PDB file of N, CA and C in Angstrom:
ATOM      1  N   MET A   1      -9.363  10.074  28.963  1.00  0.00           N
ATOM      2  CA  MET A   1     -10.637  10.134  28.284  1.00  0.00           C
ATOM      3  C   MET A   1     -11.694   9.641  29.264  1.00  0.00           C
ATOM      4  N   LYS A   2     -12.711  10.440  29.426  1.00  0.00           N
ATOM      5  CA  LYS A   2     -13.840  10.035  30.246  1.00  0.00           C
ATOM      6  C   LYS A   2     -15.024   9.797  29.334  1.00  0.00           C
ATOM      7  N   MET A   3     -15.586   8.598  29.425  1.00  0.00           N
ATOM      8  CA  MET A   3     -16.747   8.272  28.607  1.00  0.00           C
ATOM      9  C   MET A   3     -17.962   8.226  29.522  1.00  0.00           C
ATOM     10  N   SER A   4     -18.922   9.104  29.250  1.00  0.00           N
ATOM     11  CA  SER A   4     -20.143   9.114  30.050  1.00  0.00           C
ATOM     12  C   SER A   4     -21.328   9.427  29.154  1.00  0.00           C
ATOM     13  N   HIS A   5     -22.494   9.025  29.615  1.00  0.00           N
ATOM     14  CA  HIS A   5     -23.747   9.285  28.896  1.00  0.00           C
ATOM     15  C   HIS A   5     -23.740   8.693  27.491  1.00  0.00           C
ATOM     16  N   ILE A   6     -23.153   7.504  27.354  1.00  0.00           N
ATOM     17  CA  ILE A   6     -23.161   6.793  26.079  1.00  0.00           C
ATOM     18  C   ILE A   6     -23.898   5.477  26.305  1.00  0.00           C
ATOM     19  N   PRO A   7     -25.110   5.365  25.804  1.00  0.00           N
ATOM     20  CA  PRO A   7     -25.836   4.105  25.986  1.00  0.00           C
ATOM     21  C   PRO A   7     -25.210   3.004  25.137  1.00  0.00           C
ATOM     22  N   PHE A   8     -25.511   1.764  25.510  1.00  0.00           N
ATOM     23  CA  PHE A   8     -25.034   0.626  24.721  1.00  0.00           C
ATOM     24  C   PHE A   8     -25.533   0.756  23.291  1.00  0.00           C
ATOM     25  N   GLY A   9     -24.678   0.431  22.349  1.00  0.00           N
ATOM     26  CA  GLY A   9     -25.067   0.451  20.950  1.00  0.00           C
ATOM     27  C   GLY A   9     -24.094  -0.361  20.127  1.00  0.00           C
ATOM     28  N   THR A  10     -24.475  -0.667  18.922  1.00  0.00           N
ATOM     29  CA  THR A  10     -23.591  -1.362  17.991  1.00  0.00           C
ATOM     30  C   THR A  10     -23.396  -0.480  16.760  1.00  0.00           C
ATOM     31  N   THR A  11     -22.316  -0.703  16.042  1.00  0.00           N
ATOM     32  CA  THR A  11     -22.030   0.068  14.830  1.00  0.00           C
ATOM     33  C   THR A  11     -21.739  -0.879  13.691  1.00  0.00           C
ATOM     34  N   ASP A  12     -22.478  -0.736  12.601  1.00  0.00           N
ATOM     35  CA  ASP A  12     -22.182  -1.427  11.357  1.00  0.00           C
ATOM     36  C   ASP A  12     -21.334  -0.464  10.547  1.00  0.00           C
ATOM     37  N   TRP A  13     -20.008  -0.639  10.593  1.00  0.00           N
ATOM     38  CA  TRP A  13     -19.099   0.319   9.967  1.00  0.00           C
ATOM     39  C   TRP A  13     -19.319   0.435   8.466  1.00  0.00           C
ATOM     40  N   SER A  14     -19.812  -0.621   7.832  1.00  0.00           N
ATOM     41  CA  SER A  14     -20.051  -0.552   6.390  1.00  0.00           C
ATOM     42  C   SER A  14     -21.211   0.385   6.053  1.00  0.00           C
ATOM     43  N   ALA A  15     -22.058   0.703   7.034  1.00  0.00           N
ATOM     44  CA  ALA A  15     -23.199   1.595   6.815  1.00  0.00           C
ATOM     45  C   ALA A  15     -22.878   3.056   7.111  1.00  0.00           C
ATOM     46  N   ILE A  16     -21.700   3.331   7.649  1.00  0.00           N
ATOM     47  CA  ILE A  16     -21.305   4.701   7.982  1.00  0.00           C
ATOM     48  C   ILE A  16     -20.706   5.344   6.731  1.00  0.00           C
ATOM     49  N   PRO A  17     -21.187   6.520   6.337  1.00  0.00           N
ATOM     50  CA  PRO A  17     -20.623   7.176   5.143  1.00  0.00           C
ATOM     51  C   PRO A  17     -19.122   7.438   5.304  1.00  0.00           C
ATOM     52  N   GLN A  18     -18.427   7.289   4.209  1.00  0.00           N
ATOM     53  CA  GLN A  18     -16.977   7.475   4.176  1.00  0.00           C
ATOM     54  C   GLN A  18     -16.654   8.897   3.734  1.00  0.00           C
ATOM     55  N   THR A  19     -15.673   9.518   4.392  1.00  0.00           N
ATOM     56  CA  THR A  19     -15.206  10.844   3.988  1.00  0.00           C
ATOM     57  C   THR A  19     -13.728  10.752   3.643  1.00  0.00           C
ATOM     58  N   GLU A  20     -13.303  11.570   2.667  1.00  0.00           N
ATOM     59  CA  GLU A  20     -11.898  11.584   2.255  1.00  0.00           C
ATOM     60  C   GLU A  20     -11.193  12.737   2.949  1.00  0.00           C
ATOM     61  N   HIS A  21      -9.949  12.486   3.376  1.00  0.00           N
ATOM     62  CA  HIS A  21      -9.173  13.503   4.080  1.00  0.00           C
ATOM     63  C   HIS A  21      -7.833  13.705   3.394  1.00  0.00           C
ATOM     64  N   SER A  22      -7.327  14.928   3.499  1.00  0.00           N
ATOM     65  CA  SER A  22      -6.119  15.311   2.779  1.00  0.00           C
ATOM     66  C   SER A  22      -4.906  14.514   3.242  1.00  0.00           C
ATOM     67  N   ALA A  23      -3.944  14.425   2.350  1.00  0.00           N
ATOM     68  CA  ALA A  23      -2.688  13.736   2.632  1.00  0.00           C
ATOM     69  C   ALA A  23      -1.622  14.310   1.711  1.00  0.00           C
ATOM     70  N   GLN A  24      -0.369  14.172   2.128  1.00  0.00           N
ATOM     71  CA  GLN A  24       0.735  14.575   1.260  1.00  0.00           C
ATOM     72  C   GLN A  24       0.795  13.653   0.052  1.00  0.00           C
ATOM     73  N   ALA A  25       0.510  12.369   0.292  1.00  0.00           N
ATOM     74  CA  ALA A  25       0.468  11.372  -0.780  1.00  0.00           C
ATOM     75  C   ALA A  25      -0.555  10.315  -0.400  1.00  0.00           C
ATOM     76  N   GLY A  26      -1.143   9.673  -1.391  1.00  0.00           N
ATOM     77  CA  GLY A  26      -2.157   8.667  -1.132  1.00  0.00           C
ATOM     78  C   GLY A  26      -3.451   9.304  -0.649  1.00  0.00           C
ATOM     79  N   GLN A  27      -4.331   8.474  -0.122  1.00  0.00           N
ATOM     80  CA  GLN A  27      -5.625   8.951   0.342  1.00  0.00           C
ATOM     81  C   GLN A  27      -5.959   8.349   1.698  1.00  0.00           C
ATOM     82  N   ALA A  28      -6.741   9.104   2.471  1.00  0.00           N
ATOM     83  CA  ALA A  28      -7.244   8.637   3.764  1.00  0.00           C
ATOM     84  C   ALA A  28      -8.764   8.676   3.714  1.00  0.00           C
ATOM     85  N   PHE A  29      -9.398   7.573   4.073  1.00  0.00           N
ATOM     86  CA  PHE A  29     -10.851   7.494   4.123  1.00  0.00           C
ATOM     87  C   PHE A  29     -11.276   7.166   5.545  1.00  0.00           C
ATOM     88  N   TRP A  30     -12.161   7.995   6.083  1.00  0.00           N
ATOM     89  CA  TRP A  30     -12.641   7.823   7.460  1.00  0.00           C
ATOM     90  C   TRP A  30     -14.116   7.475   7.465  1.00  0.00           C
ATOM     91  N   ARG A  31     -14.493   6.609   8.393  1.00  0.00           N
ATOM     92  CA  ARG A  31     -15.887   6.387   8.779  1.00  0.00           C
ATOM     93  C   ARG A  31     -15.909   6.755  10.259  1.00  0.00           C
ATOM     94  N   THR A  32     -16.708   7.752  10.613  1.00  0.00           N
ATOM     95  CA  THR A  32     -16.599   8.369  11.938  1.00  0.00           C
ATOM     96  C   THR A  32     -17.921   8.327  12.680  1.00  0.00           C
ATOM     97  N   GLN A  33     -17.847   7.994  13.957  1.00  0.00           N
ATOM     98  CA  GLN A  33     -18.969   8.083  14.883  1.00  0.00           C
ATOM     99  C   GLN A  33     -18.535   8.980  16.037  1.00  0.00           C
ATOM    100  N   GLN A  34     -19.429   9.851  16.487  1.00  0.00           N
ATOM    101  CA  GLN A  34     -19.138  10.737  17.615  1.00  0.00           C
ATOM    102  C   GLN A  34     -20.065  10.344  18.761  1.00  0.00           C
ATOM    103  N   PHE A  35     -19.490  10.102  19.929  1.00  0.00           N
ATOM    104  CA  PHE A  35     -20.248   9.753  21.127  1.00  0.00           C
ATOM    105  C   PHE A  35     -19.878  10.770  22.203  1.00  0.00           C
ATOM    106  N   GLY A  36     -20.632  11.854  22.313  1.00  0.00           N
ATOM    107  CA  GLY A  36     -20.255  12.921  23.231  1.00  0.00           C
ATOM    108  C   GLY A  36     -18.914  13.488  22.799  1.00  0.00           C
ATOM    109  N   GLU A  37     -17.948  13.483  23.694  1.00  0.00           N
ATOM    110  CA  GLU A  37     -16.615  13.995  23.375  1.00  0.00           C
ATOM    111  C   GLU A  37     -15.693  12.941  22.778  1.00  0.00           C
ATOM    112  N   VAL A  38     -16.182  11.710  22.633  1.00  0.00           N
ATOM    113  CA  VAL A  38     -15.350  10.612  22.141  1.00  0.00           C
ATOM    114  C   VAL A  38     -15.619  10.388  20.653  1.00  0.00           C
ATOM    115  N   ARG A  39     -14.558  10.462  19.868  1.00  0.00           N
ATOM    116  CA  ARG A  39     -14.643  10.189  18.434  1.00  0.00           C
ATOM    117  C   ARG A  39     -14.094   8.792  18.190  1.00  0.00           C
ATOM    118  N   VAL A  40     -14.829   7.997  17.413  1.00  0.00           N
ATOM    119  CA  VAL A  40     -14.420   6.635  17.076  1.00  0.00           C
ATOM    120  C   VAL A  40     -14.401   6.548  15.556  1.00  0.00           C
ATOM    121  N   ARG A  41     -13.291   6.024  15.006  1.00  0.00           N
ATOM    122  CA  ARG A  41     -13.140   6.002  13.550  1.00  0.00           C
ATOM    123  C   ARG A  41     -12.617   4.665  13.047  1.00  0.00           C
ATOM    124  N   MET A  42     -13.093   4.300  11.877  1.00  0.00           N
ATOM    125  CA  MET A  42     -12.489   3.239  11.086  1.00  0.00           C
ATOM    126  C   MET A  42     -11.813   3.984   9.940  1.00  0.00           C
ATOM    127  N   VAL A  43     -10.491   3.854   9.834  1.00  0.00           N
ATOM    128  CA  VAL A  43      -9.717   4.638   8.871  1.00  0.00           C
ATOM    129  C   VAL A  43      -8.982   3.698   7.927  1.00  0.00           C
ATOM    130  N   GLU A  44      -9.042   4.032   6.649  1.00  0.00           N
ATOM    131  CA  GLU A  44      -8.292   3.273   5.642  1.00  0.00           C
ATOM    132  C   GLU A  44      -7.318   4.214   4.953  1.00  0.00           C
ATOM    133  N   TYR A  45      -6.037   3.834   4.948  1.00  0.00           N
ATOM    134  CA  TYR A  45      -5.009   4.547   4.203  1.00  0.00           C
ATOM    135  C   TYR A  45      -4.670   3.716   2.979  1.00  0.00           C
ATOM    136  N   THR A  46      -4.651   4.358   1.816  1.00  0.00           N
ATOM    137  CA  THR A  46      -4.281   3.651   0.594  1.00  0.00           C
ATOM    138  C   THR A  46      -2.764   3.412   0.578  1.00  0.00           C
ATOM    139  N   PRO A  47      -2.297   2.435  -0.206  1.00  0.00           N
ATOM    140  CA  PRO A  47      -0.845   2.239  -0.320  1.00  0.00           C
ATOM    141  C   PRO A  47      -0.173   3.539  -0.749  1.00  0.00           C
ATOM    142  N   GLY A  48       0.943   3.847  -0.096  1.00  0.00           N
ATOM    143  CA  GLY A  48       1.684   5.066  -0.396  1.00  0.00           C
ATOM    144  C   GLY A  48       1.222   6.280   0.395  1.00  0.00           C
ATOM    145  N   TYR A  49       0.264   6.094   1.322  1.00  0.00           N
ATOM    146  CA  TYR A  49      -0.234   7.221   2.120  1.00  0.00           C
ATOM    147  C   TYR A  49       0.892   7.841   2.936  1.00  0.00           C
ATOM    148  N   VAL A  50       0.944   9.185   2.938  1.00  0.00           N
ATOM    149  CA  VAL A  50       1.858   9.956   3.787  1.00  0.00           C
ATOM    150  C   VAL A  50       1.051  11.125   4.352  1.00  0.00           C
ATOM    151  N   SER A  51       1.020  11.266   5.658  1.00  0.00           N
ATOM    152  CA  SER A  51       0.280  12.349   6.296  1.00  0.00           C
ATOM    153  C   SER A  51       0.833  13.704   5.889  1.00  0.00           C
ATOM    154  N   ASP A  52      -0.046  14.695   5.827  1.00  0.00           N
ATOM    155  CA  ASP A  52       0.384  16.050   5.465  1.00  0.00           C
ATOM    156  C   ASP A  52       0.568  16.950   6.689  1.00  0.00           C
ATOM    157  N   HIS A  53       0.570  16.353   7.902  1.00  0.00           N
ATOM    158  CA  HIS A  53       0.710  17.182   9.109  1.00  0.00           C
ATOM    159  C   HIS A  53       1.243  16.350  10.280  1.00  0.00           C
ATOM    160  N   TRP A  54       1.764  17.046  11.259  1.00  0.00           N
ATOM    161  CA  TRP A  54       2.122  16.468  12.549  1.00  0.00           C
ATOM    162  C   TRP A  54       0.881  16.557  13.428  1.00  0.00           C
ATOM    163  N   CYS A  55       0.626  15.548  14.219  1.00  0.00           N
ATOM    164  CA  CYS A  55      -0.560  15.490  15.070  1.00  0.00           C
ATOM    165  C   CYS A  55      -0.137  15.471  16.537  1.00  0.00           C
ATOM    166  N   SER A  56      -0.829  16.233  17.379  1.00  0.00           N
ATOM    167  CA  SER A  56      -0.546  16.201  18.824  1.00  0.00           C
ATOM    168  C   SER A  56      -1.774  15.762  19.608  1.00  0.00           C
ATOM    169  N   LYS A  57      -2.801  15.256  18.899  1.00  0.00           N
ATOM    170  CA  LYS A  57      -4.009  14.746  19.540  1.00  0.00           C
ATOM    171  C   LYS A  57      -3.723  13.364  20.108  1.00  0.00           C
ATOM    172  N   GLY A  58      -4.304  13.057  21.247  1.00  0.00           N
ATOM    173  CA  GLY A  58      -4.170  11.725  21.823  1.00  0.00           C
ATOM    174  C   GLY A  58      -5.048  10.725  21.099  1.00  0.00           C
ATOM    175  N   HIS A  59      -4.581   9.497  21.002  1.00  0.00           N
ATOM    176  CA  HIS A  59      -5.339   8.423  20.362  1.00  0.00           C
ATOM    177  C   HIS A  59      -5.053   7.092  21.045  1.00  0.00           C
ATOM    178  N   VAL A  60      -5.980   6.184  20.900  1.00  0.00           N
ATOM    179  CA  VAL A  60      -5.725   4.758  21.054  1.00  0.00           C
ATOM    180  C   VAL A  60      -6.009   4.193  19.671  1.00  0.00           C
ATOM    181  N   LEU A  61      -5.021   3.541  19.074  1.00  0.00           N
ATOM    182  CA  LEU A  61      -5.088   3.127  17.672  1.00  0.00           C
ATOM    183  C   LEU A  61      -4.751   1.649  17.562  1.00  0.00           C
ATOM    184  N   LEU A  62      -5.596   0.896  16.859  1.00  0.00           N
ATOM    185  CA  LEU A  62      -5.382  -0.527  16.617  1.00  0.00           C
ATOM    186  C   LEU A  62      -5.267  -0.753  15.120  1.00  0.00           C
ATOM    187  N   CYS A  63      -4.194  -1.406  14.702  1.00  0.00           N
ATOM    188  CA  CYS A  63      -3.999  -1.753  13.290  1.00  0.00           C
ATOM    189  C   CYS A  63      -4.742  -3.059  13.007  1.00  0.00           C
ATOM    190  N   LEU A  64      -5.696  -2.993  12.071  1.00  0.00           N
ATOM    191  CA  LEU A  64      -6.484  -4.171  11.706  1.00  0.00           C
ATOM    192  C   LEU A  64      -5.918  -4.896  10.492  1.00  0.00           C
ATOM    193  N   ALA A  65      -5.338  -4.125   9.571  1.00  0.00           N
ATOM    194  CA  ALA A  65      -4.791  -4.717   8.342  1.00  0.00           C
ATOM    195  C   ALA A  65      -3.696  -3.804   7.809  1.00  0.00           C
ATOM    196  N   GLY A  66      -2.789  -4.369   7.035  1.00  0.00           N
ATOM    197  CA  GLY A  66      -1.728  -3.572   6.424  1.00  0.00           C
ATOM    198  C   GLY A  66      -0.608  -3.279   7.398  1.00  0.00           C
ATOM    199  N   GLU A  67      -0.006  -2.103   7.229  1.00  0.00           N
ATOM    200  CA  GLU A  67       1.151  -1.735   8.041  1.00  0.00           C
ATOM    201  C   GLU A  67       1.191  -0.225   8.182  1.00  0.00           C
ATOM    202  N   LEU A  68       1.271   0.257   9.411  1.00  0.00           N
ATOM    203  CA  LEU A  68       1.312   1.686   9.697  1.00  0.00           C
ATOM    204  C   LEU A  68       2.681   2.058  10.246  1.00  0.00           C
ATOM    205  N   HIS A  69       3.300   3.074   9.654  1.00  0.00           N
ATOM    206  CA  HIS A  69       4.569   3.602  10.151  1.00  0.00           C
ATOM    207  C   HIS A  69       4.256   4.938  10.825  1.00  0.00           C
ATOM    208  N   THR A  70       4.655   5.079  12.084  1.00  0.00           N
ATOM    209  CA  THR A  70       4.411   6.317  12.817  1.00  0.00           C
ATOM    210  C   THR A  70       5.740   6.899  13.253  1.00  0.00           C
ATOM    211  N   GLU A  71       6.005   8.116  12.785  1.00  0.00           N
ATOM    212  CA  GLU A  71       7.228   8.837  13.139  1.00  0.00           C
ATOM    213  C   GLU A  71       6.911   9.809  14.270  1.00  0.00           C
ATOM    214  N   LEU A  72       7.733   9.811  15.307  1.00  0.00           N
ATOM    215  CA  LEU A  72       7.597  10.780  16.385  1.00  0.00           C
ATOM    216  C   LEU A  72       8.508  11.960  16.113  1.00  0.00           C
ATOM    217  N   ASP A  73       8.210  13.087  16.763  1.00  0.00           N
ATOM    218  CA  ASP A  73       9.014  14.294  16.520  1.00  0.00           C
ATOM    219  C   ASP A  73      10.444  14.170  17.023  1.00  0.00           C
ATOM    220  N   ASN A  74      10.766  13.092  17.759  1.00  0.00           N
ATOM    221  CA  ASN A  74      12.158  12.862  18.178  1.00  0.00           C
ATOM    222  C   ASN A  74      12.932  12.053  17.130  1.00  0.00           C
ATOM    223  N   GLY A  75      12.252  11.707  16.012  1.00  0.00           N
ATOM    224  CA  GLY A  75      12.909  10.982  14.932  1.00  0.00           C
ATOM    225  C   GLY A  75      12.696   9.485  14.955  1.00  0.00           C
ATOM    226  N   SER A  76      12.171   8.932  16.041  1.00  0.00           N
ATOM    227  CA  SER A  76      11.957   7.481  16.087  1.00  0.00           C
ATOM    228  C   SER A  76      10.766   7.099  15.215  1.00  0.00           C
ATOM    229  N   VAL A  77      10.822   5.883  14.669  1.00  0.00           N
ATOM    230  CA  VAL A  77       9.747   5.365  13.821  1.00  0.00           C
ATOM    231  C   VAL A  77       9.268   4.050  14.408  1.00  0.00           C
ATOM    232  N   HIS A  78       7.958   3.905  14.498  1.00  0.00           N
ATOM    233  CA  HIS A  78       7.338   2.707  15.066  1.00  0.00           C
ATOM    234  C   HIS A  78       6.422   2.099  14.012  1.00  0.00           C
ATOM    235  N   VAL A  79       6.530   0.792  13.826  1.00  0.00           N
ATOM    236  CA  VAL A  79       5.750   0.097  12.804  1.00  0.00           C
ATOM    237  C   VAL A  79       4.712  -0.788  13.480  1.00  0.00           C
ATOM    238  N   LEU A  80       3.445  -0.597  13.078  1.00  0.00           N
ATOM    239  CA  LEU A  80       2.356  -1.443  13.566  1.00  0.00           C
ATOM    240  C   LEU A  80       1.917  -2.374  12.459  1.00  0.00           C
ATOM    241  N   ARG A  81       1.717  -3.619  12.823  1.00  0.00           N
ATOM    242  CA  ARG A  81       1.159  -4.619  11.928  1.00  0.00           C
ATOM    243  C   ARG A  81      -0.161  -5.100  12.530  1.00  0.00           C
ATOM    244  N   PRO A  82      -0.960  -5.850  11.795  1.00  0.00           N
ATOM    245  CA  PRO A  82      -2.262  -6.261  12.318  1.00  0.00           C
ATOM    246  C   PRO A  82      -2.167  -6.863  13.726  1.00  0.00           C
ATOM    247  N   GLY A  83      -3.059  -6.400  14.584  1.00  0.00           N
ATOM    248  CA  GLY A  83      -3.097  -6.863  15.969  1.00  0.00           C
ATOM    249  C   GLY A  83      -2.264  -6.028  16.922  1.00  0.00           C
ATOM    250  N   MET A  84      -1.513  -5.057  16.398  1.00  0.00           N
ATOM    251  CA  MET A  84      -0.701  -4.175  17.243  1.00  0.00           C
ATOM    252  C   MET A  84      -1.426  -2.842  17.415  1.00  0.00           C
ATOM    253  N   SER A  85      -1.124  -2.164  18.526  1.00  0.00           N
ATOM    254  CA  SER A  85      -1.751  -0.874  18.794  1.00  0.00           C
ATOM    255  C   SER A  85      -0.733   0.091  19.373  1.00  0.00           C
ATOM    256  N   TYR A  86      -1.130   1.371  19.401  1.00  0.00           N
ATOM    257  CA  TYR A  86      -0.384   2.348  20.180  1.00  0.00           C
ATOM    258  C   TYR A  86      -1.359   3.258  20.883  1.00  0.00           C
ATOM    259  N   GLN A  87      -0.851   3.934  21.886  1.00  0.00           N
ATOM    260  CA  GLN A  87      -1.613   4.919  22.624  1.00  0.00           C
ATOM    261  C   GLN A  87      -0.702   6.090  22.923  1.00  0.00           C
ATOM    262  N   VAL A  88      -1.264   7.298  22.843  1.00  0.00           N
ATOM    263  CA  VAL A  88      -0.506   8.510  23.129  1.00  0.00           C
ATOM    264  C   VAL A  88      -1.489   9.542  23.675  1.00  0.00           C
ATOM    265  N   ALA A  89      -1.049  10.324  24.630  1.00  0.00           N
ATOM    266  CA  ALA A  89      -1.913  11.323  25.266  1.00  0.00           C
ATOM    267  C   ALA A  89      -1.972  12.610  24.452  1.00  0.00           C
ATOM    268  N   ASP A  90      -3.020  13.386  24.665  1.00  0.00           N
ATOM    269  CA  ASP A  90      -3.108  14.724  24.080  1.00  0.00           C
ATOM    270  C   ASP A  90      -1.867  15.515  24.482  1.00  0.00           C
ATOM    271  N   GLY A  91      -1.254  16.192  23.534  1.00  0.00           N
ATOM    272  CA  GLY A  91      -0.119  17.053  23.811  1.00  0.00           C
ATOM    273  C   GLY A  91       1.177  16.326  24.122  1.00  0.00           C
ATOM    274  N   ALA A  92       1.195  15.010  24.032  1.00  0.00           N
ATOM    275  CA  ALA A  92       2.445  14.257  24.264  1.00  0.00           C
ATOM    276  C   ALA A  92       3.246  14.295  22.956  1.00  0.00           C
ATOM    277  N   GLU A  93       3.925  13.235  22.627  1.00  0.00           N
ATOM    278  CA  GLU A  93       4.775  13.228  21.439  1.00  0.00           C
ATOM    279  C   GLU A  93       3.977  13.518  20.160  1.00  0.00           C
ATOM    280  N   ALA A  94       4.407  14.534  19.433  1.00  0.00           N
ATOM    281  CA  ALA A  94       3.810  14.793  18.121  1.00  0.00           C
ATOM    282  C   ALA A  94       4.177  13.632  17.209  1.00  0.00           C
ATOM    283  N   HIS A  95       3.245  13.257  16.333  1.00  0.00           N
ATOM    284  CA  HIS A  95       3.445  12.094  15.491  1.00  0.00           C
ATOM    285  C   HIS A  95       2.814  12.324  14.124  1.00  0.00           C
ATOM    286  N   ARG A  96       3.337  11.593  13.138  1.00  0.00           N
ATOM    287  CA  ARG A  96       2.733  11.597  11.802  1.00  0.00           C
ATOM    288  C   ARG A  96       2.887  10.197  11.230  1.00  0.00           C
ATOM    289  N   SER A  97       1.951   9.848  10.378  1.00  0.00           N
ATOM    290  CA  SER A  97       1.869   8.470   9.905  1.00  0.00           C
ATOM    291  C   SER A  97       2.065   8.357   8.404  1.00  0.00           C
ATOM    292  N   SER A  98       2.488   7.164   8.008  1.00  0.00           N
ATOM    293  CA  SER A  98       2.527   6.785   6.606  1.00  0.00           C
ATOM    294  C   SER A  98       2.162   5.308   6.536  1.00  0.00           C
ATOM    295  N   ALA A  99       1.739   4.898   5.348  1.00  0.00           N
ATOM    296  CA  ALA A  99       1.336   3.502   5.155  1.00  0.00           C
ATOM    297  C   ALA A  99       1.804   3.048   3.777  1.00  0.00           C
ATOM    298  N   PRO A 100       3.082   2.678   3.663  1.00  0.00           N
ATOM    299  CA  PRO A 100       3.617   2.302   2.349  1.00  0.00           C
ATOM    300  C   PRO A 100       2.807   1.200   1.655  1.00  0.00           C
ATOM    301  N   LYS A 101       2.279   0.256   2.447  1.00  0.00           N
ATOM    302  CA  LYS A 101       1.509  -0.864   1.886  1.00  0.00           C
ATOM    303  C   LYS A 101       0.006  -0.669   2.057  1.00  0.00           C
ATOM    304  N   GLY A 102      -0.405   0.463   2.640  1.00  0.00           N
ATOM    305  CA  GLY A 102      -1.799   0.673   2.989  1.00  0.00           C
ATOM    306  C   GLY A 102      -2.071   0.133   4.379  1.00  0.00           C
ATOM    307  N   ALA A 103      -3.160   0.605   5.013  1.00  0.00           N
ATOM    308  CA  ALA A 103      -3.492   0.145   6.360  1.00  0.00           C
ATOM    309  C   ALA A 103      -4.969   0.408   6.645  1.00  0.00           C
ATOM    310  N   THR A 104      -5.542  -0.432   7.506  1.00  0.00           N
ATOM    311  CA  THR A 104      -6.877  -0.212   8.055  1.00  0.00           C
ATOM    312  C   THR A 104      -6.730  -0.136   9.557  1.00  0.00           C
ATOM    313  N   LEU A 105      -7.293   0.928  10.142  1.00  0.00           N
ATOM    314  CA  LEU A 105      -7.096   1.220  11.559  1.00  0.00           C
ATOM    315  C   LEU A 105      -8.424   1.443  12.257  1.00  0.00           C
ATOM    316  N   PHE A 106      -8.468   1.142  13.550  1.00  0.00           N
ATOM    317  CA  PHE A 106      -9.587   1.496  14.410  1.00  0.00           C
ATOM    318  C   PHE A 106      -9.023   2.469  15.429  1.00  0.00           C
ATOM    319  N   ILE A 107      -9.598   3.671  15.522  1.00  0.00           N
ATOM    320  CA  ILE A 107      -9.016   4.742  16.340  1.00  0.00           C
ATOM    321  C   ILE A 107     -10.078   5.328  17.264  1.00  0.00           C
ATOM    322  N   VAL A 108      -9.704   5.497  18.521  1.00  0.00           N
ATOM    323  CA  VAL A 108     -10.558   6.168  19.501  1.00  0.00           C
ATOM    324  C   VAL A 108      -9.790   7.375  20.019  1.00  0.00           C
ATOM    325  N   ASP A 109     -10.438   8.549  19.937  1.00  0.00           N
ATOM    326  CA  ASP A 109      -9.801   9.767  20.463  1.00  0.00           C
ATOM    327  C   ASP A 109     -10.853  10.784  20.884  1.00  0.00           C
TER     328      ASP A 109
END
């Protein structure tokens, strides 16, 4: 990821409108800021959230609250708790997430 032409700024995430996104189960709510080609999101998954798709987009993801379960296409499952993160490149391991207890995430992609 190359970040250029982004002046210094601050974000009050509570002031960013929330959008709802589809899921196999539960709900996903995003607050999104776009800075050139860089998307930055505060994402909340409700308890019982299960993604409705496999993702091959690269991300840097930090778990702020709750617990995120991420399954890779090789069958492995990785659990993030608050203060843990993961990173994956575009086109690398396909992944999908669930949040049995709910989760709040900060994601840059």
